[in-house]
C-alpha atoms as a PDB file:
ATOM      1  CA  MET A   1       0.000   0.000   0.000  1.00  0.00           C
ATOM      2  CA  LYS A   2       1.321   3.422  -0.935  1.00  0.00           C
ATOM      3  CA  THR A   3       1.377   6.457   1.325  1.00  0.00           C
ATOM      4  CA  PHE A   4      -1.059   9.167   0.244  1.00  0.00           C
ATOM      5  CA  ALA A   5       0.361  12.647  -0.226  1.00  0.00           C
ATOM      6  CA  ALA A   6      -2.066  15.466  -0.996  1.00  0.00           C
ATOM      7  CA  LYS A   7      -1.484  17.756  -3.948  1.00  0.00           C
ATOM      8  CA  LYS A   8      -2.697  21.288  -4.483  1.00  0.00           C
ATOM      9  CA  GLU A   9      -5.367  20.009  -6.887  1.00  0.00           C
ATOM     10  CA  ASP A  10      -6.822  17.631  -4.250  1.00  0.00           C
ATOM     11  CA  VAL A  11      -7.679  20.404  -1.810  1.00  0.00           C
ATOM     12  CA  THR A  12     -11.246  21.696  -1.515  1.00  0.00           C
ATOM     13  CA  ARG A  13     -11.658  24.619   0.838  1.00  0.00           C
ATOM     14  CA  GLU A  14     -14.688  25.220   3.035  1.00  0.00           C
ATOM     15  CA  TRP A  15     -15.734  28.216   5.120  1.00  0.00           C
ATOM     16  CA  PHE A  16     -16.437  27.860   8.844  1.00  0.00           C
ATOM     17  CA  VAL A  17     -17.689  30.390  11.385  1.00  0.00           C
ATOM     18  CA  VAL A  18     -16.651  30.174  15.057  1.00  0.00           C
ATOM     19  CA  ASP A  19     -18.251  32.155  17.882  1.00  0.00           C
ATOM     20  CA  ALA A  20     -15.548  33.343  20.309  1.00  0.00           C
ATOM     21  CA  ALA A  21     -17.911  34.629  23.009  1.00  0.00           C
ATOM     22  CA  GLY A  22     -16.819  33.321  26.404  1.00  0.00           C
ATOM     23  CA  GLN A  23     -14.146  30.970  25.007  1.00  0.00           C
ATOM     24  CA  PRO A  24     -10.613  30.775  26.467  1.00  0.00           C
ATOM     25  CA  THR A  25      -8.154  32.456  24.103  1.00  0.00           C
ATOM     26  CA  GLY A  26      -5.427  29.805  23.947  1.00  0.00           C
ATOM     27  CA  ARG A  27      -7.715  26.821  23.491  1.00  0.00           C
ATOM     28  CA  LEU A  28      -9.674  28.584  20.771  1.00  0.00           C
ATOM     29  CA  ALA A  29      -6.425  29.595  19.041  1.00  0.00           C
ATOM     30  CA  VAL A  30      -5.225  25.970  18.907  1.00  0.00           C
ATOM     31  CA  PHE A  31      -8.580  24.864  17.503  1.00  0.00           C
ATOM     32  CA  ILE A  32      -8.529  27.567  14.802  1.00  0.00           C
ATOM     33  CA  ALA A  33      -4.879  26.883  13.931  1.00  0.00           C
ATOM     34  CA  ASP A  34      -5.636  23.201  13.314  1.00  0.00           C
ATOM     35  CA  ILE A  35      -8.465  24.083  10.933  1.00  0.00           C
ATOM     36  CA  LEU A  36      -6.311  26.641   9.092  1.00  0.00           C
ATOM     37  CA  ARG A  37      -3.601  24.010   8.589  1.00  0.00           C
ATOM     38  CA  GLY A  38      -6.095  21.298   7.584  1.00  0.00           C
ATOM     39  CA  ARG A  39      -5.294  18.895  10.419  1.00  0.00           C
ATOM     40  CA  HIS A  40      -8.963  17.982  10.755  1.00  0.00           C
ATOM     41  CA  LYS A  41      -9.012  16.458   7.246  1.00  0.00           C
ATOM     42  CA  PRO A  42      -7.997  12.908   6.336  1.00  0.00           C
ATOM     43  CA  ILE A  43      -5.884  14.253   3.433  1.00  0.00           C
ATOM     44  CA  TYR A  44      -3.671  16.350   5.750  1.00  0.00           C
ATOM     45  CA  THR A  45      -0.107  16.572   4.503  1.00  0.00           C
ATOM     46  CA  PRO A  46       2.378  18.729   6.451  1.00  0.00           C
ATOM     47  CA  ASN A  47       4.019  20.281   3.390  1.00  0.00           C
ATOM     48  CA  VAL A  48       0.772  21.069   1.496  1.00  0.00           C
ATOM     49  CA  ASP A  49      -1.691  23.800   2.347  1.00  0.00           C
ATOM     50  CA  THR A  50      -4.885  21.771   2.949  1.00  0.00           C
ATOM     51  CA  GLY A  51      -6.624  24.164   5.354  1.00  0.00           C
ATOM     52  CA  ASP A  52      -9.994  25.879   5.291  1.00  0.00           C
ATOM     53  CA  PHE A  53     -11.247  29.426   5.818  1.00  0.00           C
ATOM     54  CA  VAL A  54     -12.249  30.436   9.357  1.00  0.00           C
ATOM     55  CA  VAL A  55     -14.448  33.408  10.258  1.00  0.00           C
ATOM     56  CA  VAL A  56     -14.350  34.348  13.950  1.00  0.00           C
ATOM     57  CA  VAL A  57     -17.159  36.507  15.341  1.00  0.00           C
ATOM     58  CA  ASN A  58     -17.599  38.162  18.760  1.00  0.00           C
ATOM     59  CA  ALA A  59     -13.848  38.664  19.232  1.00  0.00           C
ATOM     60  CA  GLU A  60     -14.545  41.390  21.791  1.00  0.00           C
ATOM     61  CA  LYS A  61     -16.159  38.826  24.124  1.00  0.00           C
ATOM     62  CA  ILE A  62     -13.240  36.382  24.264  1.00  0.00           C
ATOM     63  CA  LYS A  63     -12.181  35.240  27.719  1.00  0.00           C
ATOM     64  CA  LEU A  64      -8.729  35.891  29.150  1.00  0.00           C
ATOM     65  CA  THR A  65      -8.032  33.732  32.198  1.00  0.00           C
ATOM     66  CA  GLY A  66      -6.283  34.816  35.370  1.00  0.00           C
ATOM     67  CA  ASN A  67      -4.892  38.356  35.515  1.00  0.00           C
ATOM     68  CA  LYS A  68      -4.069  38.507  31.796  1.00  0.00           C
ATOM     69  CA  GLU A  69      -6.490  41.392  31.229  1.00  0.00           C
ATOM     70  CA  GLU A  70      -4.111  43.715  33.142  1.00  0.00           C
ATOM     71  CA  ASP A  71      -0.808  41.792  33.113  1.00  0.00           C
ATOM     72  CA  LYS A  72      -0.484  40.651  29.482  1.00  0.00           C
ATOM     73  CA  ILE A  73       1.472  43.144  27.381  1.00  0.00           C
ATOM     74  CA  TYR A  74       1.236  43.506  23.595  1.00  0.00           C
ATOM     75  CA  GLN A  75       4.273  45.167  22.006  1.00  0.00           C
ATOM     76  CA  ASP A  76       4.467  47.052  18.720  1.00  0.00           C
ATOM     77  CA  TYR A  77       7.680  48.372  17.232  1.00  0.00           C
ATOM     78  CA  SER A  78       7.763  51.007  14.497  1.00  0.00           C
ATOM     79  CA  GLY A  79      11.382  50.388  13.523  1.00  0.00           C
ATOM     80  CA  TYR A  80      12.556  53.797  14.678  1.00  0.00           C
ATOM     81  CA  PRO A  81      14.571  54.520  17.829  1.00  0.00           C
ATOM     82  CA  SER A  82      12.320  54.518  20.883  1.00  0.00           C
ATOM     83  CA  GLY A  83       9.461  53.354  18.656  1.00  0.00           C
ATOM     84  CA  ARG A  84       8.330  50.521  20.921  1.00  0.00           C
ATOM     85  CA  LYS A  85       4.806  50.772  22.295  1.00  0.00           C
ATOM     86  CA  GLU A  86       3.470  48.555  25.063  1.00  0.00           C
ATOM     87  CA  ARG A  87      -0.253  48.132  25.644  1.00  0.00           C
ATOM     88  CA  SER A  88      -2.159  45.938  28.058  1.00  0.00           C
ATOM     89  CA  ALA A  89      -4.728  43.398  26.891  1.00  0.00           C
ATOM     90  CA  ALA A  90      -7.505  45.582  28.346  1.00  0.00           C
ATOM     91  CA  THR A  91      -6.431  48.477  26.104  1.00  0.00           C
ATOM     92  CA  ILE A  92      -6.184  46.223  23.042  1.00  0.00           C
ATOM     93  CA  ARG A  93      -9.648  44.796  23.775  1.00  0.00           C
ATOM     94  CA  VAL A  94     -11.118  48.310  23.658  1.00  0.00           C
ATOM     95  CA  THR A  95      -9.270  49.560  20.562  1.00  0.00           C
ATOM     96  CA  HIS A  96      -8.659  46.452  18.359  1.00  0.00           C
ATOM     97  CA  PRO A  97     -10.230  43.303  19.883  1.00  0.00           C
ATOM     98  CA  GLU A  98      -9.419  41.286  16.738  1.00  0.00           C
ATOM     99  CA  ARG A  99      -5.682  41.481  17.459  1.00  0.00           C
ATOM    100  CA  ILE A 100      -5.963  39.285  20.546  1.00  0.00           C
ATOM    101  CA  ILE A 101      -7.193  36.352  18.448  1.00  0.00           C
ATOM    102  CA  LEU A 102      -4.976  37.130  15.457  1.00  0.00           C
ATOM    103  CA  GLN A 103      -1.780  37.132  17.509  1.00  0.00           C
ATOM    104  CA  ALA A 104      -2.789  34.054  19.494  1.00  0.00           C
ATOM    105  CA  VAL A 105      -3.500  32.025  16.336  1.00  0.00           C
ATOM    106  CA  GLU A 106      -0.335  33.286  14.650  1.00  0.00           C
ATOM    107  CA  GLY A 107       1.666  32.092  17.642  1.00  0.00           C
ATOM    108  CA  MET A 108       0.156  28.596  17.342  1.00  0.00           C
ATOM    109  CA  LEU A 109       1.192  28.173  13.696  1.00  0.00           C
ATOM    110  CA  PRO A 110       4.668  27.156  12.514  1.00  0.00           C
ATOM    111  CA  LYS A 111       6.850  30.002  11.278  1.00  0.00           C
ATOM    112  CA  ASN A 112       6.975  29.314   7.539  1.00  0.00           C
ATOM    113  CA  ARG A 113       5.341  30.139   4.190  1.00  0.00           C
ATOM    114  CA  LEU A 114       2.384  27.852   4.764  1.00  0.00           C
ATOM    115  CA  SER A 115       1.453  29.625   7.981  1.00  0.00           C
ATOM    116  CA  ARG A 116       1.591  33.005   6.275  1.00  0.00           C
ATOM    117  CA  GLN A 117      -0.797  31.667   3.630  1.00  0.00           C
ATOM    118  CA  ALA A 118      -3.028  30.231   6.349  1.00  0.00           C
ATOM    119  CA  MET A 119      -3.242  33.558   8.181  1.00  0.00           C
ATOM    120  CA  THR A 120      -4.752  35.141   5.057  1.00  0.00           C
ATOM    121  CA  ARG A 121      -7.653  32.692   5.398  1.00  0.00           C
ATOM    122  CA  LEU A 122      -8.460  33.824   8.956  1.00  0.00           C
ATOM    123  CA  LYS A 123     -11.112  36.550   9.184  1.00  0.00           C
ATOM    124  CA  VAL A 124     -11.797  38.027  12.644  1.00  0.00           C
ATOM    125  CA  TYR A 125     -14.636  40.422  13.511  1.00  0.00           C
ATOM    126  CA  ALA A 126     -15.321  42.158  16.815  1.00  0.00           C
ATOM    127  CA  GLY A 127     -19.105  41.906  16.641  1.00  0.00           C
ATOM    128  CA  PRO A 128     -21.580  39.154  15.722  1.00  0.00           C
ATOM    129  CA  ASP A 129     -21.875  40.176  12.039  1.00  0.00           C
ATOM    130  CA  HIS A 130     -19.584  39.262   9.142  1.00  0.00           C
ATOM    131  CA  PRO A 131     -19.717  39.986   5.378  1.00  0.00           C
ATOM    132  CA  HIS A 132     -19.070  36.374   4.261  1.00  0.00           C
ATOM    133  CA  ALA A 133     -22.633  35.093   3.954  1.00  0.00           C
ATOM    134  CA  ALA A 134     -22.172  34.493   0.207  1.00  0.00           C
ATOM    135  CA  GLN A 135     -19.500  31.856   0.935  1.00  0.00           C
ATOM    136  CA  ASN A 136     -22.080  29.572   2.644  1.00  0.00           C
ATOM    137  CA  VAL A 137     -20.213  29.474   5.944  1.00  0.00           C
ATOM    138  CA  LYS A 138     -20.921  26.479   8.166  1.00  0.00           C
ATOM    139  CA  PRO A 139     -21.142  26.920  11.930  1.00  0.00           C
ATOM    140  CA  LEU A 140     -18.380  25.116  13.788  1.00  0.00           C
ATOM    141  CA  GLU A 141     -18.879  24.189  17.423  1.00  0.00           C
ATOM    142  CA  PHE A 142     -15.998  24.640  19.834  1.00  0.00           C
ATOM    143  CA  ASN A 143     -16.510  23.335  23.346  1.00  0.00           C
ATOM    144  CA  GLY A 144     -13.292  24.382  25.018  1.00  0.00           C
END
């Protein structure tokens, strides 16, 4: 019996929607990262991009455990001297709540070309609405 290796032509992509309200950030990020990589499919091949599209709604209602709301620091660097900015998770939640999920999922993916392609298939929205109804998104249950 031969080992099956997926090719680019074998991949069919689907669209899934995940509700992040009340879900722990890290567990949800692992779940989303596996779908973006295609690890939930029987044709998964590590060196082929077999993943699906994921739409995350209610990013502003994601749960941070412990004291992470005040203690967790997000850093941005402009590239100029003294261009580093540090913001707490509470500040990020108010200004750009999508970034909490985006950075968590990005940290769960391997650092290579495939992960950069996978991140383009992740769509995160702060509220319950998204503009991807035409793609026939399927609801995906996460019980983390």
